[in-house]
Amino acid sequence: MPEDNSGPDLQIDYDMLHEMAADARELKGSVEFKVPELASGTGDEDSDSGAVGDSELTGALRRFRVAWHKPFKDSMDRLEDLALLLDGVATKFFDMDADFAQQASSLLSRQAMSTWESKKNQHDLYLKNKDLMFTPSPIYDENGALVNQAPVHLFKYGDGEGETPVPEDAGDRPAGSDYFSNSNKDGDEFAHSDKAPTAEEIKALEEEKKNRALTETTYDKEGRVKIETSTVTSTSGLGYSETTSYDYEIPGFPDTPSKVTTTITHSDGTTETIVTTYQANGNSTVKSSFQDPKDSDNDSSSTTTVTPDVEKDADGKVVKDFGYESVTVDDDGKTTTTTVTNNDPNEIKTKDDYKTFLNTDTKVVTDEDGVRREYTGNYESDTWTQTGGPPENETDEDDEQSDTSDDSGPVDDHYIPR
């Protein structure tokens, strides 16, 4: 049989890495507790020989300590470095998985509102149609007399043959909805529910070493999402949470958010806050901040202003989307400008048109120093291939100093968020 190569090219067991990091820290802590002098590289090097009883033995012990106290201290530093490395890899890959899990959980949580709306529409239609009557045209009886017919229901509802079942009453609009799922480490045992778990159920799942994802969605009286909170937990206890709140205050657009605030807590304890404000003309402003509670030097912030290039009809509805321009200013005052051009989707009428237009949208990113990076790709899927300029995270100066770099050809496909 041919070899099966359908599996992933790379698998990262972030739970195992996280547990190894914890083991390294536990070992370090144990040594520091039991032998603090060896771990810190401090101690009394001039111990009295009387305490040992033999001056030669005292000297030998002193020389042993002098020779080994620095290696012991270095080993403690290396254990901490190892723990940081293992946890760094674990948290980064877990956060990527958690983000995907959060998106899926969010979609399934909101499905409850869609299901309610569908049931309500069906029941409302039933209430509208159930009493509608229809009077058939008169017919002649066996004696040739014209006989009027009795009115009949235009729509037949019931459980009989040829009748439409009566739709279920949807009840009151739900104030919230949940979606909860759990699985084992290998993913071959999966369960889900439309209710948040109890404290007892969470404790049991922790003991069973189950991955868990929960999304809790709250709606306003109009049925719009008001607050949504998602938490994702791995079998080893790595945690990721995301909370998003929505405001709706744009005149004439009751279902379009005027402000979206998202707070993300990553598994390494760092947090991101993203506040997006929308205007009626389609422009938006995104203010982002990043906080590292362990090292404030890593904190950062930026403000991005996005100006769409669109064509609207008389009612203000977007009929053509030609792209956008965004300008980002970071906390150091440095500016990055991104210009995206979208091919007119109305020109796509055949398969050949689709293939032609699919990857010919363009994106140009220009940084504070005037360095340009050019991309082609697909605007709708936000997938781009770099075609010009130095690779990301590399300047023109770095590129010129490299003997092997070539900025004229494309690099690997990658995802660049708008």
Protein backbone atom coordinates (compact mmCIF):
# COMPACT_ATOMS: atom_id res chain seq x y z
CA MET A 1 0.00 0.00 0.00
CA PRO A 2 1.24 3.54 -0.68
CA GLU A 3 2.52 5.48 2.28
CA ASP A 4 -0.07 7.70 3.92
CA ASN A 5 1.25 11.27 3.99
CA SER A 6 -2.05 12.90 4.94
CA GLY A 7 -0.94 13.74 8.48
CA PRO A 8 0.40 17.12 9.57
CA ASP A 9 3.98 18.09 8.76
CA LEU A 10 4.54 19.38 12.28
CA GLN A 11 2.95 18.52 15.61
CA ILE A 12 3.68 20.41 18.81
CA ASP A 13 2.68 18.88 22.14
CA TYR A 14 2.43 22.17 24.02
CA ASP A 15 0.98 20.46 27.09
CA MET A 16 4.08 18.28 27.40
CA LEU A 17 6.36 21.30 26.89
CA HIS A 18 4.43 23.25 29.55
CA GLU A 19 4.72 20.34 31.99
CA MET A 20 8.47 20.02 31.28
CA ALA A 21 8.87 23.74 32.01
CA ALA A 22 7.05 23.24 35.32
CA ASP A 23 9.35 20.29 36.13
CA ALA A 24 12.44 22.40 35.43
CA ARG A 25 11.18 25.16 37.73
CA GLU A 26 10.28 22.62 40.41
CA LEU A 27 13.80 21.17 40.28
CA LYS A 28 15.31 24.65 40.48
CA GLY A 29 13.12 25.56 43.42
CA SER A 30 13.94 22.33 45.23
CA VAL A 31 17.70 22.88 44.89
CA GLU A 32 17.43 26.52 45.96
CA PHE A 33 15.41 25.51 49.01
CA LYS A 34 17.62 22.61 50.08
CA VAL A 35 21.02 24.08 49.18
CA PRO A 36 20.57 27.88 49.01
CA GLU A 37 24.31 28.58 49.16
CA LEU A 38 25.05 26.40 46.14
CA ALA A 39 22.19 27.82 44.15
CA SER A 40 23.04 31.45 44.83
CA GLY A 41 26.80 31.17 44.80
CA THR A 42 27.05 32.71 48.27
CA GLY A 43 28.12 31.37 51.62
CA ASP A 44 30.80 31.46 54.22
CA GLU A 45 34.04 30.57 52.48
CA ASP A 46 36.11 31.12 55.67
CA SER A 47 34.55 28.42 57.79
CA ASP A 48 36.39 27.71 60.99
CA SER A 49 38.46 24.53 60.72
CA GLY A 50 37.39 23.73 64.25
CA ALA A 51 33.92 23.08 62.99
CA VAL A 52 35.30 20.23 60.90
CA GLY A 53 38.09 19.16 63.15
CA ASP A 54 40.84 18.91 60.58
CA SER A 55 42.50 21.85 58.80
CA GLU A 56 43.39 19.82 55.68
CA LEU A 57 39.82 18.60 55.33
CA THR A 58 38.55 22.14 55.85
CA GLY A 59 40.84 23.39 53.09
CA ALA A 60 39.71 20.64 50.74
CA LEU A 61 36.06 21.45 51.39
CA ARG A 62 36.72 25.13 50.87
CA ARG A 63 38.49 24.46 47.55
CA PHE A 64 35.63 22.20 46.46
CA ARG A 65 33.11 24.90 47.20
CA VAL A 66 35.11 27.62 45.43
CA ALA A 67 35.45 25.38 42.37
CA TRP A 68 31.80 24.41 42.19
CA HIS A 69 29.70 27.27 43.52
CA LYS A 70 29.68 29.16 40.18
CA PRO A 71 28.78 26.08 38.08
CA PHE A 72 25.94 25.37 40.50
CA LYS A 73 24.67 28.94 40.21
CA ASP A 74 25.00 28.80 36.43
CA SER A 75 23.04 25.56 36.36
CA MET A 76 20.19 27.27 38.22
CA ASP A 77 20.20 30.06 35.62
CA ARG A 78 20.20 27.49 32.81
CA LEU A 79 17.24 25.68 34.36
CA GLU A 80 15.29 28.93 34.36
CA ASP A 81 16.35 29.63 30.75
CA LEU A 82 15.20 26.13 29.76
CA ALA A 83 11.86 26.63 31.49
CA LEU A 84 11.36 29.96 29.72
CA LEU A 85 12.21 28.42 26.34
CA LEU A 86 9.86 25.45 26.80
CA ASP A 87 7.03 27.62 28.07
CA GLY A 88 7.61 30.18 25.31
CA VAL A 89 7.12 27.56 22.60
CA ALA A 90 4.19 25.97 24.45
CA THR A 91 2.26 29.20 24.98
CA LYS A 92 2.75 30.49 21.44
CA PHE A 93 1.43 27.31 19.81
CA PHE A 94 -1.35 26.92 22.37
CA ASP A 95 -2.50 30.50 21.76
CA MET A 96 -2.76 29.78 18.02
CA ASP A 97 -4.90 26.71 18.65
CA ALA A 98 -6.93 28.55 21.28
CA ASP A 99 -7.69 31.37 18.84
CA PHE A 100 -9.11 28.87 16.33
CA ALA A 101 -11.08 27.14 19.10
CA GLN A 102 -12.46 30.49 20.26
CA GLN A 103 -13.65 31.39 16.77
CA ALA A 104 -15.42 28.05 16.34
CA SER A 105 -16.95 28.21 19.81
CA SER A 106 -18.15 31.77 19.19
CA LEU A 107 -19.82 30.80 15.92
CA LEU A 108 -21.62 27.86 17.53
CA SER A 109 -22.72 29.94 20.51
CA ARG A 110 -24.29 32.56 18.24
CA GLN A 111 -26.04 29.81 16.31
CA ALA A 112 -28.56 29.65 19.17
CA MET A 113 -29.87 33.09 18.23
CA SER A 114 -30.03 32.12 14.56
CA THR A 115 -31.97 28.98 15.48
CA TRP A 116 -34.42 31.01 17.57
CA GLU A 117 -34.96 33.53 14.77
CA SER A 118 -35.60 30.71 12.29
CA LYS A 119 -38.16 29.08 14.61
CA LYS A 120 -39.82 32.44 15.27
CA ASN A 121 -40.12 33.19 11.55
CA GLN A 122 -41.67 29.78 10.90
CA HIS A 123 -44.15 30.17 13.77
CA ASP A 124 -45.01 33.74 12.73
CA LEU A 125 -45.72 32.48 9.21
CA TYR A 126 -47.97 29.79 10.67
CA LEU A 127 -49.91 32.37 12.69
CA LYS A 128 -50.31 34.49 9.56
CA ASN A 129 -51.50 31.65 7.34
CA LYS A 130 -53.42 29.28 9.60
CA ASP A 131 -56.77 31.11 9.30
CA LEU A 132 -56.56 32.02 5.63
CA MET A 133 -59.51 30.56 3.79
CA PHE A 134 -60.17 29.79 0.14
CA THR A 135 -63.57 29.28 -1.49
CA PRO A 136 -63.47 26.94 -4.52
CA SER A 137 -65.47 27.82 -7.60
CA PRO A 138 -69.07 26.48 -7.72
CA ILE A 139 -69.53 23.09 -9.35
CA TYR A 140 -72.52 21.33 -10.91
CA ASP A 141 -74.15 18.47 -9.04
CA GLU A 142 -75.61 15.30 -10.61
CA ASN A 143 -78.82 17.17 -11.38
CA GLY A 144 -77.02 19.92 -13.28
CA ALA A 145 -77.54 22.51 -10.56
CA LEU A 146 -74.71 24.93 -9.75
CA VAL A 147 -73.65 24.38 -6.16
CA ASN A 148 -71.45 26.74 -4.13
CA GLN A 149 -68.54 25.16 -2.30
CA ALA A 150 -67.72 25.53 1.38
CA PRO A 151 -64.62 27.57 2.26
CA VAL A 152 -61.48 25.52 2.99
CA HIS A 153 -58.17 26.38 4.62
CA LEU A 154 -55.62 27.67 2.16
CA PHE A 155 -52.84 26.03 4.23
CA LYS A 156 -53.49 22.77 6.02
CA TYR A 157 -51.66 22.40 9.34
CA GLY A 158 -51.75 19.30 11.49
CA ASP A 159 -50.47 15.77 11.79
CA GLY A 160 -52.68 14.23 9.12
CA GLU A 161 -51.80 13.11 5.64
CA GLY A 162 -51.04 16.03 3.35
CA GLU A 163 -50.91 18.47 6.26
CA THR A 164 -47.98 20.63 7.33
CA PRO A 165 -46.83 20.09 10.94
CA VAL A 166 -47.53 23.03 13.23
CA PRO A 167 -44.21 24.85 13.85
CA GLU A 168 -42.93 25.04 17.40
CA ASP A 169 -43.48 28.28 19.28
CA ALA A 170 -40.01 29.87 19.61
CA GLY A 171 -40.91 31.57 22.88
CA ASP A 172 -39.19 34.71 24.14
CA ARG A 173 -36.02 35.98 22.57
CA PRO A 174 -33.03 34.45 24.42
CA ALA A 175 -31.02 36.85 26.56
CA GLY A 176 -27.90 34.75 26.09
CA SER A 177 -26.47 31.53 24.73
CA ASP A 178 -23.58 29.23 25.58
CA TYR A 179 -21.48 26.68 23.80
CA PHE A 180 -19.20 24.33 25.69
CA SER A 181 -16.98 21.57 24.36
CA ASN A 182 -14.37 19.26 25.79
CA SER A 183 -12.06 16.62 24.39
CA ASN A 184 -9.19 14.42 25.42
CA LYS A 185 -5.61 15.15 24.45
CA ASP A 186 -5.75 13.11 21.23
CA GLY A 187 -9.07 14.65 20.20
CA ASP A 188 -10.77 11.28 19.61
CA GLU A 189 -13.15 11.80 22.54
CA PHE A 190 -15.33 14.86 22.03
CA ALA A 191 -18.46 16.17 23.73
CA HIS A 192 -20.38 19.45 23.53
CA SER A 193 -23.31 21.19 25.13
CA ASP A 194 -25.34 24.39 24.81
CA LYS A 195 -25.00 25.00 28.54
CA ALA A 196 -22.06 26.25 30.59
CA PRO A 197 -20.60 23.57 32.88
CA THR A 198 -21.08 23.57 36.63
CA ALA A 199 -18.17 23.86 39.05
CA GLU A 200 -18.44 20.12 39.76
CA GLU A 201 -18.32 19.30 36.05
CA ILE A 202 -15.25 21.49 35.54
CA LYS A 203 -13.49 19.78 38.45
CA ALA A 204 -14.24 16.37 36.96
CA LEU A 205 -12.93 17.43 33.55
CA GLU A 206 -9.75 18.78 35.15
CA GLU A 207 -9.19 15.41 36.83
CA GLU A 208 -9.78 13.66 33.50
CA LYS A 209 -7.25 15.96 31.80
CA LYS A 210 -9.71 17.29 29.21
CA ASN A 211 -9.29 20.28 26.89
CA ARG A 212 -12.15 22.73 27.36
CA ALA A 213 -13.64 25.63 25.37
CA LEU A 214 -16.56 27.76 26.54
CA THR A 215 -18.21 30.77 24.90
CA GLU A 216 -20.90 32.76 26.70
CA THR A 217 -22.83 35.25 24.57
CA THR A 218 -25.14 37.97 25.87
CA TYR A 219 -27.68 39.74 23.60
CA ASP A 220 -29.43 43.08 23.94
CA LYS A 221 -33.21 43.47 23.61
CA GLU A 222 -32.86 43.76 19.82
CA GLY A 223 -31.09 40.41 19.60
CA ARG A 224 -27.69 41.94 18.82
CA VAL A 225 -24.56 40.54 20.43
CA LYS A 226 -23.67 42.74 23.40
CA ILE A 227 -20.90 40.85 25.21
CA GLU A 228 -19.13 37.63 24.34
CA THR A 229 -16.58 35.87 26.52
CA SER A 230 -14.58 32.80 25.51
CA THR A 231 -12.19 30.74 27.61
CA VAL A 232 -10.00 27.91 26.33
CA THR A 233 -8.10 25.59 28.69
CA SER A 234 -5.67 22.81 27.80
CA THR A 235 -5.13 19.50 29.58
CA SER A 236 -2.06 20.89 31.37
CA GLY A 237 -3.85 24.05 32.52
CA LEU A 238 -2.73 26.51 29.86
CA GLY A 239 -5.42 29.17 29.56
CA TYR A 240 -6.57 31.73 26.98
CA SER A 241 -9.49 34.11 27.32
CA GLU A 242 -11.10 36.69 25.06
CA THR A 243 -13.89 39.14 25.87
CA THR A 244 -15.54 41.37 23.27
CA SER A 245 -18.22 44.01 23.83
CA TYR A 246 -20.27 45.81 21.18
CA ASP A 247 -21.94 49.24 21.05
CA TYR A 248 -24.51 50.21 18.39
CA GLU A 249 -24.83 53.96 17.99
CA ILE A 250 -24.43 54.74 14.26
CA PRO A 251 -27.54 56.64 13.07
CA GLY A 252 -29.39 54.79 10.33
CA PHE A 253 -27.39 51.57 10.82
CA PRO A 254 -28.91 49.89 13.90
CA ASP A 255 -27.21 46.52 13.33
CA THR A 256 -23.73 47.90 12.61
CA PRO A 257 -21.43 48.20 15.64
CA SER A 258 -20.16 51.69 16.38
CA LYS A 259 -17.52 50.40 18.79
CA VAL A 260 -15.96 46.99 19.41
CA THR A 261 -13.70 46.42 22.41
CA THR A 262 -11.72 43.19 22.68
CA THR A 263 -9.49 42.13 25.57
CA ILE A 264 -7.32 39.03 25.17
CA THR A 265 -5.39 37.34 27.96
CA HIS A 266 -2.74 35.01 26.59
CA SER A 267 -1.47 31.87 28.24
CA ASP A 268 1.79 33.58 29.22
CA GLY A 269 -0.10 36.27 31.17
CA THR A 270 0.30 39.06 28.61
CA THR A 271 -2.80 40.99 27.58
CA GLU A 272 -3.98 42.79 24.46
CA THR A 273 -6.70 45.40 24.28
CA ILE A 274 -8.12 46.37 20.88
CA VAL A 275 -10.71 49.15 20.60
CA THR A 276 -12.21 49.72 17.14
CA THR A 277 -14.45 52.73 16.56
CA TYR A 278 -16.55 52.98 13.38
CA GLN A 279 -17.98 56.11 11.79
CA ALA A 280 -21.07 56.40 9.62
CA ASN A 281 -18.90 57.21 6.56
CA GLY A 282 -17.15 53.83 6.88
CA ASN A 283 -13.90 55.10 8.37
CA SER A 284 -12.60 53.37 11.48
CA THR A 285 -9.94 53.84 14.14
CA VAL A 286 -8.20 50.96 15.89
CA LYS A 287 -6.35 51.55 19.15
CA SER A 288 -4.26 48.60 20.29
CA SER A 289 -2.21 48.10 23.42
CA PHE A 290 -0.07 45.23 24.72
CA GLN A 291 0.91 44.72 28.35
CA ASP A 292 3.44 42.30 29.80
CA PRO A 293 3.02 42.08 33.60
CA LYS A 294 6.46 40.48 33.93
CA ASP A 295 8.38 43.12 31.96
CA SER A 296 6.95 46.56 31.25
CA ASP A 297 9.68 47.14 28.66
CA ASN A 298 7.65 44.89 26.37
CA ASP A 299 4.54 47.09 26.63
CA SER A 300 3.47 48.80 23.41
CA SER A 301 0.57 50.62 21.80
CA SER A 302 -0.52 51.89 18.40
CA THR A 303 -3.34 53.73 16.67
CA THR A 304 -4.52 52.80 13.17
CA THR A 305 -6.86 54.87 11.04
CA VAL A 306 -8.58 52.98 8.21
CA THR A 307 -10.14 54.80 5.26
CA PRO A 308 -12.12 52.54 2.89
CA ASP A 309 -12.33 53.18 -0.85
CA VAL A 310 -15.93 52.29 -1.67
CA GLU A 311 -18.86 53.29 -3.86
CA LYS A 312 -22.28 53.63 -2.23
CA ASP A 313 -25.81 53.85 -3.57
CA ALA A 314 -28.37 56.54 -2.71
CA ASP A 315 -29.27 54.71 0.51
CA GLY A 316 -25.68 54.63 1.71
CA LYS A 317 -25.24 50.93 1.01
CA VAL A 318 -21.81 49.85 -0.27
CA VAL A 319 -22.14 48.52 -3.81
CA LYS A 320 -18.45 48.39 -4.74
CA ASP A 321 -15.44 47.86 -2.48
CA PHE A 322 -12.18 48.97 -4.06
CA GLY A 323 -9.97 48.48 -0.98
CA TYR A 324 -8.71 50.75 1.77
CA GLU A 325 -5.78 52.71 3.15
CA SER A 326 -4.63 52.43 6.76
CA VAL A 327 -2.11 54.53 8.67
CA THR A 328 -0.62 53.11 11.87
CA VAL A 329 1.27 55.22 14.40
CA ASP A 330 3.07 53.32 17.18
CA ASP A 331 3.97 54.59 20.66
CA ASP A 332 7.33 55.82 19.33
CA GLY A 333 5.56 57.98 16.75
CA LYS A 334 6.65 55.82 13.81
CA THR A 335 4.18 55.60 10.94
CA THR A 336 3.33 52.66 8.67
CA THR A 337 0.99 53.11 5.71
CA THR A 338 -0.83 50.20 4.07
CA THR A 339 -2.66 50.58 0.76
CA VAL A 340 -4.82 47.71 -0.50
CA THR A 341 -6.45 47.69 -3.94
CA ASN A 342 -9.32 45.30 -4.60
CA ASN A 343 -10.31 44.31 -8.13
CA ASP A 344 -13.92 45.15 -8.94
CA PRO A 345 -15.83 41.95 -8.06
CA ASN A 346 -18.59 42.95 -10.49
CA GLU A 347 -16.16 42.21 -13.31
CA ILE A 348 -15.99 38.53 -12.30
CA LYS A 349 -18.59 36.78 -14.44
CA THR A 350 -16.98 33.50 -15.52
CA LYS A 351 -14.58 30.92 -14.12
CA ASP A 352 -11.79 32.37 -16.21
CA ASP A 353 -12.52 35.83 -14.82
CA TYR A 354 -12.41 34.40 -11.32
CA LYS A 355 -9.04 32.78 -11.89
CA THR A 356 -7.70 36.00 -13.40
CA PHE A 357 -8.89 38.21 -10.57
CA LEU A 358 -8.34 35.77 -7.71
CA ASN A 359 -4.76 36.68 -6.88
CA THR A 360 -4.26 40.03 -8.57
CA ASP A 361 -5.33 42.31 -5.72
CA THR A 362 -2.38 44.36 -4.46
CA LYS A 363 -1.06 45.48 -1.11
CA VAL A 364 1.73 47.98 -0.46
CA VAL A 365 3.17 48.53 3.04
CA THR A 366 5.46 51.54 3.53
CA ASP A 367 7.21 52.08 6.84
CA GLU A 368 8.59 55.20 8.53
CA ASP A 369 11.87 54.96 6.60
CA GLY A 370 10.16 54.71 3.23
CA VAL A 371 10.84 50.97 2.87
CA ARG A 372 8.16 49.42 0.64
CA ARG A 373 6.95 45.86 0.75
CA GLU A 374 4.68 44.81 -2.11
CA TYR A 375 2.22 41.93 -2.19
CA THR A 376 -0.31 40.33 -4.53
CA GLY A 377 -3.13 38.14 -3.35
CA ASN A 378 -6.82 37.96 -2.59
CA TYR A 379 -8.56 40.82 -0.81
CA GLU A 380 -11.57 38.79 0.31
CA SER A 381 -9.57 36.01 1.99
CA ASP A 382 -6.81 38.44 3.06
CA THR A 383 -4.12 36.07 1.79
CA TRP A 384 -1.00 37.63 0.29
CA THR A 385 2.30 36.68 -1.32
CA GLN A 386 5.19 39.13 -1.09
CA THR A 387 6.52 40.13 -4.49
CA GLY A 388 8.83 43.03 -3.73
CA GLY A 389 10.86 44.73 -1.05
CA PRO A 390 12.89 43.19 1.76
CA PRO A 391 11.37 40.28 3.72
CA GLU A 392 9.33 41.20 6.76
CA ASN A 393 11.34 42.16 9.86
CA GLU A 394 14.31 42.96 7.64
CA THR A 395 15.37 46.41 6.43
CA ASP A 396 16.88 47.41 3.10
CA GLU A 397 20.21 47.81 4.88
CA ASP A 398 20.03 44.25 6.20
CA ASP A 399 19.15 43.05 2.73
CA GLU A 400 22.11 44.82 1.13
CA GLN A 401 24.50 43.24 3.64
CA SER A 402 23.30 39.75 2.82
CA ASP A 403 25.04 37.90 -0.01
CA THR A 404 22.25 35.39 -0.50
CA SER A 405 19.05 37.42 -0.12
CA ASP A 406 16.91 38.23 -3.13
CA ASP A 407 14.02 40.63 -2.69
CA SER A 408 12.87 40.41 -6.29
CA GLY A 409 11.10 37.06 -6.04
CA PRO A 410 8.06 35.96 -4.08
CA VAL A 411 8.27 34.54 -0.58
CA ASP A 412 6.04 31.88 0.95
CA ASP A 413 2.31 32.55 1.24
CA HIS A 414 1.37 33.85 4.65
CA TYR A 415 -1.54 35.47 6.39
CA ILE A 416 -1.39 39.20 6.99
CA PRO A 417 -4.40 40.56 8.86
CA ARG A 418 -6.05 43.70 7.52
